[in-house]
N, C-alpha and C. Protein backbone atom coordinates (compact mmCIF):
# COMPACT_ATOMS: atom_id res chain seq x y z
N MET A 1 17.24 -36.74 18.96
CA MET A 1 16.00 -37.95 19.14
C MET A 1 14.61 -37.10 19.30
N VAL A 2 13.87 -37.90 18.64
CA VAL A 2 12.53 -37.06 18.29
C VAL A 2 11.13 -37.80 18.95
N ALA A 3 10.57 -37.07 19.37
CA ALA A 3 9.25 -37.68 20.06
C ALA A 3 8.27 -37.73 19.18
N VAL A 4 7.62 -38.95 19.54
CA VAL A 4 6.78 -39.46 18.91
C VAL A 4 5.22 -38.49 18.78
N GLU A 5 4.22 -38.70 18.04
CA GLU A 5 3.10 -37.97 17.87
C GLU A 5 1.81 -38.81 18.16
N ARG A 6 0.75 -38.35 18.96
CA ARG A 6 -0.33 -38.83 19.71
C ARG A 6 -1.41 -37.85 19.15
N GLN A 7 -2.16 -38.45 18.22
CA GLN A 7 -3.39 -37.67 17.24
C GLN A 7 -2.94 -36.29 16.89
N GLY A 8 -1.86 -36.01 16.41
CA GLY A 8 -1.19 -34.85 15.95
C GLY A 8 -0.30 -33.99 17.33
N GLU A 9 -0.37 -34.71 18.36
CA GLU A 9 0.13 -34.08 19.54
C GLU A 9 1.66 -34.57 19.87
N ILE A 10 2.44 -33.59 20.04
CA ILE A 10 3.91 -33.99 20.41
C ILE A 10 3.98 -35.08 21.56
N VAL A 11 4.50 -36.57 21.80
CA VAL A 11 4.38 -37.13 23.03
C VAL A 11 6.09 -37.22 23.67
N ILE A 12 6.18 -36.85 24.60
CA ILE A 12 7.79 -36.88 25.09
C ILE A 12 7.56 -38.66 26.07
N ARG A 13 8.60 -39.18 25.35
CA ARG A 13 8.74 -40.39 25.74
C ARG A 13 10.13 -40.52 26.92
N VAL A 14 9.56 -40.92 28.08
CA VAL A 14 10.17 -40.60 29.33
C VAL A 14 10.77 -42.09 29.90
N LEU A 15 11.83 -41.65 30.72
CA LEU A 15 12.46 -43.12 31.36
C LEU A 15 12.93 -42.59 32.70
N ALA A 16 12.09 -43.23 33.53
CA ALA A 16 12.42 -43.15 35.16
C ALA A 16 13.37 -44.01 35.70
N ALA A 17 14.28 -43.73 36.35
CA ALA A 17 15.28 -44.70 37.06
C ALA A 17 15.48 -43.85 38.48
N ASP A 18 15.01 -44.62 39.47
CA ASP A 18 14.97 -44.96 40.97
C ASP A 18 15.09 -45.96 41.67
N ASP A 19 15.58 -46.16 42.66
CA ASP A 19 15.59 -47.54 43.53
C ASP A 19 14.51 -47.56 43.95
N HIS A 20 13.65 -46.68 44.43
CA HIS A 20 12.67 -46.37 45.32
C HIS A 20 11.09 -46.70 44.62
N GLU A 21 10.61 -47.76 44.33
CA GLU A 21 9.12 -48.12 43.79
C GLU A 21 8.34 -47.07 44.06
N ILE A 22 8.07 -46.51 45.36
CA ILE A 22 7.28 -45.45 45.84
C ILE A 22 7.47 -44.05 44.66
N VAL A 23 8.76 -44.03 44.60
CA VAL A 23 8.92 -42.32 43.91
C VAL A 23 8.77 -42.78 42.41
N ARG A 24 9.02 -44.35 41.91
CA ARG A 24 8.65 -44.58 40.45
C ARG A 24 7.60 -44.62 39.84
N ASP A 25 6.61 -45.11 40.93
CA ASP A 25 4.94 -44.95 40.91
C ASP A 25 4.42 -43.44 41.13
N GLY A 26 5.20 -42.64 41.89
CA GLY A 26 4.63 -41.43 41.85
C GLY A 26 4.69 -40.96 40.52
N ILE A 27 5.82 -40.70 39.92
CA ILE A 27 6.07 -40.15 38.47
C ILE A 27 5.48 -41.04 37.45
N ALA A 28 5.32 -42.11 37.83
CA ALA A 28 4.19 -42.82 36.40
C ALA A 28 3.16 -42.27 36.87
N ASP A 29 2.25 -41.76 37.98
CA ASP A 29 0.96 -41.33 38.13
C ASP A 29 0.96 -39.79 37.53
N LEU A 30 2.05 -39.26 37.87
CA LEU A 30 2.26 -37.54 37.21
C LEU A 30 2.42 -37.71 35.75
N ILE A 31 2.80 -38.45 35.22
CA ILE A 31 3.08 -38.23 33.83
C ILE A 31 1.68 -39.08 33.34
N GLU A 32 1.15 -39.92 33.83
CA GLU A 32 -0.37 -40.62 33.33
C GLU A 32 -1.07 -39.64 33.11
N THR A 33 -1.12 -38.65 33.71
CA THR A 33 -2.16 -37.14 33.90
C THR A 33 -2.16 -36.56 32.44
N GLN A 34 -0.60 -36.42 31.65
CA GLN A 34 -0.34 -35.65 30.62
C GLN A 34 -0.25 -36.54 29.69
N SER A 35 -1.46 -35.51 28.60
CA SER A 35 -1.67 -35.83 27.37
C SER A 35 -0.10 -35.82 26.40
N ASP A 36 0.62 -35.13 26.63
CA ASP A 36 2.00 -34.93 25.85
C ASP A 36 3.16 -35.55 26.33
N MET A 37 3.13 -36.75 27.27
CA MET A 37 4.03 -37.48 27.95
C MET A 37 3.73 -39.05 27.84
N GLN A 38 4.72 -39.88 27.94
CA GLN A 38 4.40 -41.14 28.16
C GLN A 38 5.47 -41.98 28.86
N LEU A 39 5.29 -42.39 29.94
CA LEU A 39 6.39 -43.26 30.81
C LEU A 39 6.47 -44.66 29.44
N VAL A 40 7.63 -44.58 29.27
CA VAL A 40 8.25 -45.95 28.11
C VAL A 40 8.82 -46.94 29.14
N ALA A 41 9.47 -46.64 29.76
CA ALA A 41 10.23 -47.52 30.54
C ALA A 41 10.46 -47.12 32.10
N ASP A 42 11.10 -47.87 33.39
CA ASP A 42 11.98 -47.64 34.32
C ASP A 42 12.62 -48.33 34.80
N ALA A 43 13.48 -48.15 35.74
CA ALA A 43 14.73 -49.02 36.15
C ALA A 43 14.66 -48.71 37.57
N SER A 44 15.53 -50.04 38.11
CA SER A 44 15.59 -49.43 39.58
C SER A 44 17.35 -49.49 39.90
N ASP A 45 18.12 -49.35 39.11
CA ASP A 45 19.79 -49.27 39.51
C ASP A 45 20.13 -48.62 38.21
N GLY A 46 21.25 -48.26 38.29
CA GLY A 46 22.02 -47.27 37.24
C GLY A 46 22.16 -48.53 36.00
N ARG A 47 22.94 -49.65 36.09
CA ARG A 47 23.07 -50.42 35.23
C ARG A 47 21.63 -50.68 34.30
N GLU A 48 20.38 -50.45 35.02
CA GLU A 48 19.15 -51.33 34.51
C GLU A 48 18.99 -50.00 33.66
N ALA A 49 19.27 -48.72 34.06
CA ALA A 49 18.81 -47.50 33.69
C ALA A 49 19.45 -47.53 32.23
N VAL A 50 20.93 -47.76 31.96
CA VAL A 50 21.63 -47.93 30.88
C VAL A 50 21.23 -48.46 29.84
N ALA A 51 20.99 -49.91 30.40
CA ALA A 51 20.15 -50.98 29.44
C ALA A 51 18.92 -50.61 28.88
N GLN A 52 17.83 -49.72 29.84
CA GLN A 52 16.77 -49.33 29.15
C GLN A 52 16.66 -48.25 28.45
N PHE A 53 17.55 -47.64 28.51
CA PHE A 53 18.22 -46.24 27.51
C PHE A 53 18.34 -46.67 26.24
N ARG A 54 19.10 -47.80 26.27
CA ARG A 54 19.63 -48.50 25.20
C ARG A 54 18.48 -48.95 24.27
N ASN A 55 17.56 -49.77 25.09
CA ASN A 55 16.13 -50.35 24.44
C ASN A 55 15.37 -49.47 23.91
N TYR A 56 14.72 -48.16 24.68
CA TYR A 56 13.93 -47.49 24.40
C TYR A 56 14.10 -46.10 23.55
N HIS A 57 15.15 -45.71 23.75
CA HIS A 57 15.68 -44.27 23.28
C HIS A 57 14.83 -43.16 23.97
N PRO A 58 14.59 -42.90 25.26
CA PRO A 58 13.82 -42.20 25.47
C PRO A 58 14.00 -40.65 25.39
N ASP A 59 13.05 -39.89 25.40
CA ASP A 59 13.46 -38.20 24.84
C ASP A 59 14.27 -37.58 26.10
N VAL A 60 13.69 -38.10 27.32
CA VAL A 60 14.36 -37.53 28.30
C VAL A 60 14.07 -38.54 29.30
N THR A 61 15.36 -38.57 30.01
CA THR A 61 15.17 -39.72 31.24
C THR A 61 15.63 -38.87 32.74
N LEU A 62 14.78 -39.46 33.90
CA LEU A 62 14.65 -38.83 34.89
C LEU A 62 15.78 -39.83 35.77
N MET A 63 16.75 -39.23 36.17
CA MET A 63 17.88 -40.18 36.83
C MET A 63 18.07 -39.79 38.35
N ASP A 64 17.71 -40.79 39.43
CA ASP A 64 18.14 -40.30 40.79
C ASP A 64 19.72 -40.77 40.77
N LEU A 65 20.47 -40.37 41.69
CA LEU A 65 22.13 -40.16 41.79
C LEU A 65 22.27 -41.62 42.81
N GLN A 66 21.56 -41.65 44.10
CA GLN A 66 21.87 -42.66 44.78
C GLN A 66 21.11 -43.89 44.38
N MET A 67 22.05 -44.92 43.74
CA MET A 67 20.91 -46.30 43.52
C MET A 67 22.10 -47.18 43.49
N PRO A 68 22.14 -48.64 43.85
CA PRO A 68 22.93 -49.45 43.60
C PRO A 68 23.41 -50.24 42.37
N ASN A 69 24.51 -50.77 42.48
CA ASN A 69 25.23 -51.44 41.24
C ASN A 69 25.83 -50.44 40.38
N MET A 70 25.12 -49.35 40.15
CA MET A 70 25.63 -47.88 39.09
C MET A 70 25.03 -47.09 39.81
N SER A 71 25.95 -45.96 39.95
CA SER A 71 25.59 -44.61 40.75
C SER A 71 24.83 -43.73 39.48
N GLY A 72 24.20 -42.98 40.01
CA GLY A 72 23.38 -42.17 38.70
C GLY A 72 24.33 -41.26 37.71
N ILE A 73 25.74 -40.72 38.61
CA ILE A 73 26.37 -40.25 37.61
C ILE A 73 27.39 -41.21 36.97
N ASP A 74 27.20 -42.17 37.18
CA ASP A 74 28.19 -43.16 36.37
C ASP A 74 27.24 -43.57 35.03
N ALA A 75 26.03 -43.93 35.55
CA ALA A 75 24.88 -43.77 34.78
C ALA A 75 25.02 -42.81 33.67
N ILE A 76 24.77 -41.68 33.97
CA ILE A 76 24.55 -40.74 33.03
C ILE A 76 25.81 -40.30 32.26
N LYS A 77 26.96 -40.83 32.60
CA LYS A 77 28.09 -40.89 32.25
C LYS A 77 28.35 -41.81 30.88
N ALA A 78 27.80 -42.96 31.29
CA ALA A 78 27.43 -44.31 30.33
C ALA A 78 26.41 -44.07 29.13
N ILE A 79 25.59 -43.35 29.31
CA ILE A 79 24.75 -43.18 28.64
C ILE A 79 25.00 -41.60 27.75
N ARG A 80 25.44 -41.08 28.10
CA ARG A 80 26.14 -39.79 27.46
C ARG A 80 27.04 -40.10 26.54
N GLY A 81 28.07 -41.09 27.13
CA GLY A 81 29.08 -41.43 26.16
C GLY A 81 28.76 -42.13 24.78
N GLU A 82 27.85 -42.87 25.13
CA GLU A 82 26.89 -43.75 24.13
C GLU A 82 25.83 -42.77 23.00
N PHE A 83 25.06 -41.96 23.90
CA PHE A 83 24.39 -41.17 23.31
C PHE A 83 24.47 -39.86 23.40
N PRO A 84 25.25 -39.11 23.04
CA PRO A 84 25.68 -37.76 23.33
C PRO A 84 24.22 -36.74 23.31
N GLU A 85 23.42 -36.80 22.26
CA GLU A 85 22.15 -36.15 22.57
C GLU A 85 21.29 -36.71 23.52
N ALA A 86 21.15 -37.32 24.59
CA ALA A 86 20.40 -37.95 25.49
C ALA A 86 19.97 -36.71 26.20
N ARG A 87 18.78 -36.39 26.78
CA ARG A 87 18.38 -35.42 27.64
C ARG A 87 18.19 -35.90 28.99
N ILE A 88 18.81 -35.55 30.10
CA ILE A 88 18.67 -36.25 31.49
C ILE A 88 18.49 -35.14 32.35
N VAL A 89 17.43 -35.48 33.56
CA VAL A 89 17.12 -34.90 34.65
C VAL A 89 17.44 -35.52 35.86
N VAL A 90 18.48 -34.74 36.67
CA VAL A 90 18.73 -35.76 37.97
C VAL A 90 17.42 -35.17 38.89
N LEU A 91 17.12 -36.48 39.66
CA LEU A 91 16.25 -36.58 40.95
C LEU A 91 17.08 -36.73 42.13
N THR A 92 16.95 -36.13 42.93
CA THR A 92 17.76 -36.55 44.15
C THR A 92 17.00 -35.44 45.54
N THR A 93 17.26 -36.15 46.78
CA THR A 93 17.06 -35.60 47.93
C THR A 93 17.90 -34.19 48.70
N TYR A 94 19.13 -34.41 47.96
CA TYR A 94 20.49 -33.68 48.06
C TYR A 94 20.55 -32.41 47.18
N ALA A 95 20.86 -31.22 47.67
CA ALA A 95 20.98 -29.96 47.11
C ALA A 95 22.56 -29.63 47.11
N GLY A 96 23.49 -30.46 47.38
CA GLY A 96 25.03 -30.00 48.02
C GLY A 96 25.07 -29.47 46.25
N ASP A 97 26.24 -28.62 46.41
CA ASP A 97 26.61 -28.12 45.28
C ASP A 97 27.68 -28.51 44.60
N ALA A 98 28.27 -29.68 45.45
CA ALA A 98 29.42 -30.09 44.51
C ALA A 98 28.82 -31.29 43.71
N GLN A 99 28.01 -31.83 44.38
CA GLN A 99 27.16 -33.16 43.76
C GLN A 99 26.41 -32.67 42.37
N VAL A 100 25.99 -31.62 42.50
CA VAL A 100 25.20 -30.88 41.39
C VAL A 100 26.15 -30.64 40.25
N LYS A 101 27.59 -30.20 40.50
CA LYS A 101 28.45 -29.95 39.44
C LYS A 101 28.79 -31.43 38.96
N ARG A 102 29.01 -32.13 39.56
CA ARG A 102 29.40 -33.42 39.07
C ARG A 102 28.49 -34.02 38.11
N ALA A 103 27.23 -33.71 38.26
CA ALA A 103 26.18 -34.46 37.48
C ALA A 103 25.95 -33.40 36.42
N LEU A 104 26.36 -32.20 36.57
CA LEU A 104 26.10 -31.16 35.32
C LEU A 104 27.22 -31.82 34.58
N GLN A 105 28.46 -31.94 34.96
CA GLN A 105 29.77 -32.33 34.35
C GLN A 105 29.56 -33.55 34.01
N ALA A 106 28.73 -34.51 34.05
CA ALA A 106 28.77 -35.74 33.47
C ALA A 106 27.68 -35.41 32.39
N GLY A 107 26.61 -34.60 32.33
CA GLY A 107 26.34 -34.15 31.24
C GLY A 107 24.56 -34.03 31.37
N ALA A 108 23.98 -33.95 32.77
CA ALA A 108 22.33 -33.40 32.91
C ALA A 108 22.37 -32.36 32.33
N GLN A 109 21.26 -32.20 32.09
CA GLN A 109 20.59 -30.99 31.89
C GLN A 109 19.79 -30.39 32.82
N GLY A 110 19.24 -30.75 33.72
CA GLY A 110 18.21 -30.58 34.99
C GLY A 110 18.57 -31.07 36.11
N TYR A 111 18.13 -30.73 37.00
CA TYR A 111 18.36 -31.12 38.58
C TYR A 111 17.14 -30.68 39.20
N LEU A 112 16.76 -31.76 39.76
CA LEU A 112 15.64 -31.38 40.72
C LEU A 112 15.26 -32.23 42.15
N LEU A 113 15.04 -31.68 43.06
CA LEU A 113 14.70 -32.38 44.25
C LEU A 113 13.69 -32.62 44.15
N LYS A 114 13.66 -33.97 44.77
CA LYS A 114 12.31 -34.89 45.04
C LYS A 114 11.12 -34.21 45.57
N GLY A 115 11.33 -33.80 46.65
CA GLY A 115 10.56 -32.77 47.39
C GLY A 115 9.82 -31.88 46.54
N LEU A 116 10.24 -31.49 45.26
CA LEU A 116 9.56 -30.48 44.60
C LEU A 116 8.60 -31.28 43.18
N LEU A 117 9.09 -32.62 43.28
CA LEU A 117 8.39 -33.34 41.97
C LEU A 117 7.18 -32.95 41.39
N ARG A 118 5.83 -33.00 42.50
CA ARG A 118 4.40 -32.81 42.02
C ARG A 118 4.64 -31.09 41.68
N LYS A 119 5.27 -30.40 42.09
CA LYS A 119 5.49 -28.89 41.78
C LYS A 119 6.11 -28.67 40.23
N GLU A 120 7.00 -29.29 40.09
CA GLU A 120 8.00 -28.98 38.88
C GLU A 120 8.48 -29.98 37.94
N LEU A 121 8.10 -31.28 38.23
CA LEU A 121 8.67 -32.14 37.63
C LEU A 121 8.21 -32.08 36.06
N LEU A 122 6.76 -31.63 35.68
CA LEU A 122 6.36 -31.61 34.17
C LEU A 122 6.71 -30.65 33.59
N ASP A 123 7.01 -29.50 34.32
CA ASP A 123 7.60 -28.13 33.65
C ASP A 123 9.42 -28.49 33.29
N THR A 124 9.62 -29.15 34.23
CA THR A 124 11.28 -29.62 33.67
C THR A 124 11.34 -30.33 32.51
N ILE A 125 10.52 -31.60 32.65
CA ILE A 125 10.62 -32.24 31.43
C ILE A 125 10.64 -31.64 30.36
N ARG A 126 9.57 -30.87 30.11
CA ARG A 126 9.28 -30.26 28.67
C ARG A 126 10.05 -29.11 28.86
N ALA A 127 10.99 -28.53 29.92
CA ALA A 127 11.84 -27.67 29.51
C ALA A 127 13.23 -28.55 28.92
N VAL A 128 13.41 -29.49 29.44
CA VAL A 128 15.03 -30.08 28.88
C VAL A 128 14.47 -30.87 27.55
N HIS A 129 13.46 -31.35 27.32
CA HIS A 129 12.95 -31.72 26.10
C HIS A 129 13.24 -30.73 24.95
N SER A 130 12.77 -29.52 25.28
CA SER A 130 13.15 -28.29 24.35
C SER A 130 14.18 -27.86 24.31
N GLY A 131 15.53 -28.50 25.04
CA GLY A 131 16.71 -27.99 24.73
C GLY A 131 17.03 -27.08 25.92
N ARG A 132 16.31 -26.77 26.85
CA ARG A 132 16.80 -25.54 28.05
C ARG A 132 16.86 -26.65 29.16
N LYS A 133 18.19 -26.04 29.82
CA LYS A 133 18.21 -26.41 31.02
C LYS A 133 17.38 -25.94 32.02
N ARG A 134 17.43 -26.84 33.40
CA ARG A 134 16.42 -26.52 34.17
C ARG A 134 17.14 -26.86 35.57
N MET A 135 16.85 -25.84 36.57
CA MET A 135 17.27 -26.72 38.13
C MET A 135 16.35 -25.60 39.19
N SER A 136 16.32 -26.47 40.01
CA SER A 136 15.18 -25.75 41.26
C SER A 136 16.11 -24.56 41.89
N PRO A 137 15.42 -23.57 42.07
CA PRO A 137 15.99 -22.54 42.61
C PRO A 137 17.01 -22.47 43.87
N GLU A 138 16.38 -23.71 44.64
CA GLU A 138 17.25 -23.87 46.03
C GLU A 138 18.52 -24.22 45.24
N ILE A 139 18.58 -24.88 44.16
CA ILE A 139 19.88 -25.73 44.13
C ILE A 139 20.57 -24.58 43.31
N ALA A 140 20.27 -23.55 42.48
CA ALA A 140 21.11 -22.72 41.91
C ALA A 140 21.44 -21.35 42.92
N ALA A 141 20.83 -21.47 43.97
CA ALA A 141 21.29 -20.94 45.62
C ALA A 141 22.28 -21.45 45.69
N GLU A 142 22.26 -22.54 46.04
CA GLU A 142 23.66 -23.19 46.76
C GLU A 142 24.95 -23.36 46.04
N ILE A 143 24.75 -23.30 44.55
CA ILE A 143 25.67 -23.32 43.72
C ILE A 143 26.47 -21.55 43.77
N ALA A 144 25.33 -20.82 43.88
CA ALA A 144 26.14 -19.59 43.91
C ALA A 144 26.81 -19.14 45.03
N GLU A 145 26.12 -19.54 46.48
CA GLU A 145 26.82 -19.64 47.37
C GLU A 145 28.20 -19.89 47.48
N HIS A 146 28.86 -21.08 47.03
CA HIS A 146 30.11 -21.42 47.19
C HIS A 146 30.84 -21.45 45.84
N ALA A 147 30.20 -20.64 44.82
CA ALA A 147 30.81 -20.15 43.54
C ALA A 147 32.27 -19.90 43.70
N MET A 148 32.54 -19.04 44.61
CA MET A 148 34.01 -18.61 44.87
C MET A 148 34.74 -19.16 45.80
N ASP A 149 34.45 -20.39 46.26
CA ASP A 149 35.04 -21.04 47.56
C ASP A 149 36.30 -21.48 46.77
N THR A 150 37.49 -22.01 47.48
CA THR A 150 38.59 -22.57 46.94
C THR A 150 38.31 -24.05 46.85
N ALA A 151 38.38 -24.73 45.97
CA ALA A 151 38.39 -26.30 45.71
C ALA A 151 39.03 -27.04 46.39
N LEU A 152 38.77 -28.13 47.55
CA LEU A 152 39.41 -28.80 48.12
C LEU A 152 40.28 -29.99 47.13
N THR A 153 41.65 -30.37 47.30
CA THR A 153 42.44 -31.23 46.56
C THR A 153 42.08 -32.39 46.78
N PRO A 154 42.44 -33.67 45.99
CA PRO A 154 42.52 -35.16 45.63
C PRO A 154 42.76 -35.10 47.46
N ARG A 155 43.63 -34.86 47.88
CA ARG A 155 44.50 -35.32 49.08
C ARG A 155 43.36 -35.35 50.22
N GLU A 156 42.90 -33.63 50.10
CA GLU A 156 42.23 -33.16 51.18
C GLU A 156 40.63 -33.80 51.03
N ILE A 157 40.64 -34.13 49.85
CA ILE A 157 39.01 -34.93 49.77
C ILE A 157 39.30 -36.24 50.38
N ALA A 158 40.42 -36.79 50.20
CA ALA A 158 40.44 -38.50 50.51
C ALA A 158 40.68 -38.64 52.18
N VAL A 159 41.36 -37.23 52.77
CA VAL A 159 41.66 -36.96 54.17
C VAL A 159 40.20 -37.31 54.42
N LEU A 160 39.32 -36.31 53.83
CA LEU A 160 37.98 -35.67 54.68
C LEU A 160 37.06 -36.73 54.74
N LYS A 161 37.18 -37.96 53.35
CA LYS A 161 36.45 -39.16 53.67
C LYS A 161 36.81 -39.72 54.52
N LEU A 162 38.23 -40.03 55.03
CA LEU A 162 38.59 -40.93 56.03
C LEU A 162 38.15 -40.00 57.42
N ILE A 163 38.05 -39.03 57.78
CA ILE A 163 37.72 -38.61 58.64
C ILE A 163 36.14 -38.61 59.24
N ALA A 164 35.32 -38.44 57.99
CA ALA A 164 33.81 -39.07 58.46
C ALA A 164 33.61 -40.28 58.37
N ALA A 165 34.96 -41.51 58.11
CA ALA A 165 34.31 -42.64 58.39
C ALA A 165 35.17 -43.05 59.73
N GLY A 166 35.27 -41.87 60.47
CA GLY A 166 35.66 -42.35 61.72
C GLY A 166 37.46 -42.44 62.31
N ASN A 167 38.14 -42.18 61.22
CA ASN A 167 39.63 -42.43 61.36
C ASN A 167 40.40 -40.99 62.10
N ALA A 168 41.38 -41.72 62.61
CA ALA A 168 42.09 -40.83 63.45
C ALA A 168 43.09 -40.32 62.79
N ASN A 169 44.04 -39.36 63.07
CA ASN A 169 45.25 -38.92 62.21
C ASN A 169 46.02 -40.27 61.66
N LYS A 170 46.40 -40.78 62.88
CA LYS A 170 47.56 -42.08 62.28
C LYS A 170 46.96 -42.90 61.37
N GLU A 171 45.41 -43.33 61.58
CA GLU A 171 45.04 -44.14 60.66
C GLU A 171 44.88 -43.74 59.19
N ILE A 172 44.38 -42.58 59.27
CA ILE A 172 44.62 -41.97 57.75
C ILE A 172 45.77 -42.06 57.26
N ALA A 173 47.13 -41.57 58.13
CA ALA A 173 48.47 -41.51 57.54
C ALA A 173 48.82 -42.74 57.15
N ALA A 174 48.44 -44.02 57.61
CA ALA A 174 48.91 -45.53 57.23
C ALA A 174 48.11 -45.79 56.02
N GLN A 175 46.77 -45.40 55.68
CA GLN A 175 45.92 -45.44 54.83
C GLN A 175 46.33 -44.88 53.33
N LEU A 176 46.74 -43.86 53.54
CA LEU A 176 47.04 -42.91 52.65
C LEU A 176 48.34 -42.90 52.16
N HIS A 177 49.24 -43.68 53.05
CA HIS A 177 50.73 -43.68 52.71
C HIS A 177 51.47 -42.36 52.83
N ILE A 178 51.12 -41.70 53.59
CA ILE A 178 51.80 -40.33 53.92
C ILE A 178 52.21 -39.89 55.39
N SER A 179 52.73 -39.31 55.87
CA SER A 179 53.03 -38.77 57.35
C SER A 179 51.93 -38.26 57.89
N GLU A 180 51.92 -38.61 59.45
CA GLU A 180 50.75 -38.02 60.28
C GLU A 180 51.02 -35.81 60.04
N GLU A 181 51.96 -35.66 59.91
CA GLU A 181 52.00 -34.37 59.70
C GLU A 181 51.76 -33.69 58.39
N GLY A 182 51.86 -34.57 57.46
CA GLY A 182 51.02 -34.40 56.19
C GLY A 182 49.25 -34.33 56.04
N VAL A 183 48.89 -35.47 57.18
CA VAL A 183 47.41 -35.42 57.34
C VAL A 183 47.26 -34.04 58.15
N LYS A 184 47.81 -33.65 59.17
CA LYS A 184 47.23 -32.78 59.81
C LYS A 184 47.65 -31.48 58.90
N GLY A 185 48.42 -31.14 57.99
CA GLY A 185 48.47 -30.22 57.33
C GLY A 185 47.17 -30.36 56.25
N SER A 186 46.96 -31.36 56.12
CA SER A 186 45.34 -31.46 54.94
C SER A 186 44.27 -31.32 55.84
N VAL A 187 44.20 -31.54 57.19
CA VAL A 187 43.10 -31.11 57.87
C VAL A 187 43.11 -29.77 58.02
N LYS A 188 43.98 -29.06 58.55
CA LYS A 188 44.02 -27.86 58.64
C LYS A 188 43.56 -26.96 57.22
N SER A 189 44.34 -27.06 56.38
CA SER A 189 43.85 -26.77 55.09
C SER A 189 42.30 -26.99 54.73
N LEU A 190 41.78 -28.21 54.93
CA LEU A 190 40.28 -28.27 54.47
C LEU A 190 39.23 -27.77 55.67
N LEU A 191 40.01 -27.56 56.72
CA LEU A 191 38.80 -26.77 57.79
C LEU A 191 38.97 -25.21 57.35
N LEU A 192 40.15 -24.82 56.97
CA LEU A 192 39.93 -23.30 56.45
C LEU A 192 39.24 -23.21 55.30
N LYS A 193 39.39 -24.06 53.95
CA LYS A 193 38.35 -23.86 52.66
C LYS A 193 36.92 -24.03 53.26
N LEU A 194 36.60 -24.98 54.11
CA LEU A 194 35.29 -25.49 54.27
C LEU A 194 34.65 -24.37 55.55
N GLY A 195 35.38 -23.86 56.30
CA GLY A 195 34.93 -22.75 56.91
C GLY A 195 34.33 -23.33 58.20
N ALA A 196 35.08 -24.72 58.30
CA ALA A 196 34.73 -25.68 59.45
C ALA A 196 35.32 -25.25 60.70
N ASN A 197 34.63 -25.35 62.10
CA ASN A 197 34.97 -25.42 63.44
C ASN A 197 35.84 -26.31 63.98
N ASP A 198 35.80 -27.77 63.45
CA ASP A 198 36.29 -28.96 63.83
C ASP A 198 36.21 -29.98 62.97
N ARG A 199 37.11 -30.95 63.07
CA ARG A 199 37.05 -32.37 62.02
C ARG A 199 35.50 -32.82 61.93
N ALA A 200 34.53 -33.05 63.23
CA ALA A 200 33.31 -33.30 62.65
C ALA A 200 32.46 -32.28 61.80
N HIS A 201 32.97 -31.08 62.25
CA HIS A 201 31.79 -30.13 61.25
C HIS A 201 32.16 -30.12 59.78
N ALA A 202 33.66 -30.52 59.50
CA ALA A 202 34.13 -30.55 58.14
C ALA A 202 33.65 -31.67 57.96
N ALA A 203 33.24 -32.68 58.05
CA ALA A 203 32.52 -33.99 57.42
C ALA A 203 31.01 -33.72 57.65
N THR A 204 30.95 -32.93 58.18
CA THR A 204 28.98 -32.65 58.46
C THR A 204 29.10 -31.98 56.89
N ILE A 205 29.89 -30.89 56.78
CA ILE A 205 29.91 -30.02 55.73
C ILE A 205 29.79 -30.77 54.33
N GLY A 206 31.44 -31.46 54.18
CA GLY A 206 31.43 -32.52 53.02
C GLY A 206 30.23 -33.25 52.56
N LEU A 207 29.61 -34.05 53.68
CA LEU A 207 28.60 -34.75 53.12
C LEU A 207 27.41 -34.27 52.84
N LYS A 208 27.08 -32.51 53.33
CA LYS A 208 25.78 -32.10 53.14
C LYS A 208 26.27 -31.39 51.57
N ARG A 209 27.30 -30.93 51.27
CA ARG A 209 27.30 -30.45 49.89
C ARG A 209 27.59 -31.41 48.85
N GLY A 210 27.95 -32.35 49.44
CA GLY A 210 27.88 -33.76 48.24
C GLY A 210 29.70 -34.08 47.92
N ILE A 211 30.44 -33.29 48.57
CA ILE A 211 31.80 -33.40 48.24
C ILE A 211 32.34 -34.76 48.82
N ILE A 212 31.85 -35.35 49.57
CA ILE A 212 32.38 -36.88 49.91
C ILE A 212 31.12 -37.44 50.13
N GLU A 213 30.75 -38.77 50.11
CA GLU A 213 29.60 -39.60 50.32
C GLU A 213 30.15 -40.88 51.21
N LEU A 214 29.41 -41.01 52.36
CA LEU A 214 29.63 -42.60 52.79
C LEU A 214 29.26 -43.74 52.27
N PRO A 215 29.92 -44.93 52.07
CA PRO A 215 29.69 -45.89 51.44
C PRO A 215 28.24 -46.72 52.00
């Protein structure tokens, strides 16, 4: 994917996808001040982001993760599946290590907290456009902190989701078609893996780290 030139200078063409108009406007204002960047399109949800990518073939895409219709992760997968060379930077308010790993596995090359947009966005766009990976120091520290943790199993994650939604063991057992003893075993295991004091604490940790998400 090759950037266009403007009066002899390489111009990085950017697509911004975020469901909050104020965020998109803020990105537009920042990019407008740069002679080497141009905001060519924006999108308010994941499906629109995929469509806009097909229409404009931007050099760098800025992708929010929490969007309606199609999540940012699914949009990244869709874009990268069709355009393997696509360069995508995740923008999010969450620094959870599990969520970061999913985004990177989906094909993102950059990960930036929205609170740092004015400080780091432009440098991040340039770095990713040049082929480098870029991540906020806070996010890198979060990943490093949990690098050696034992991962939850799919069943443990399913149990944790239902705990976070307020279900008791009996209700969880019925929904997952397992015994209550099986639920208790999963709860005991996930408490140990997460270093949680109790079920509520485990749910809080799961949400903070991005292991689970509430609908």
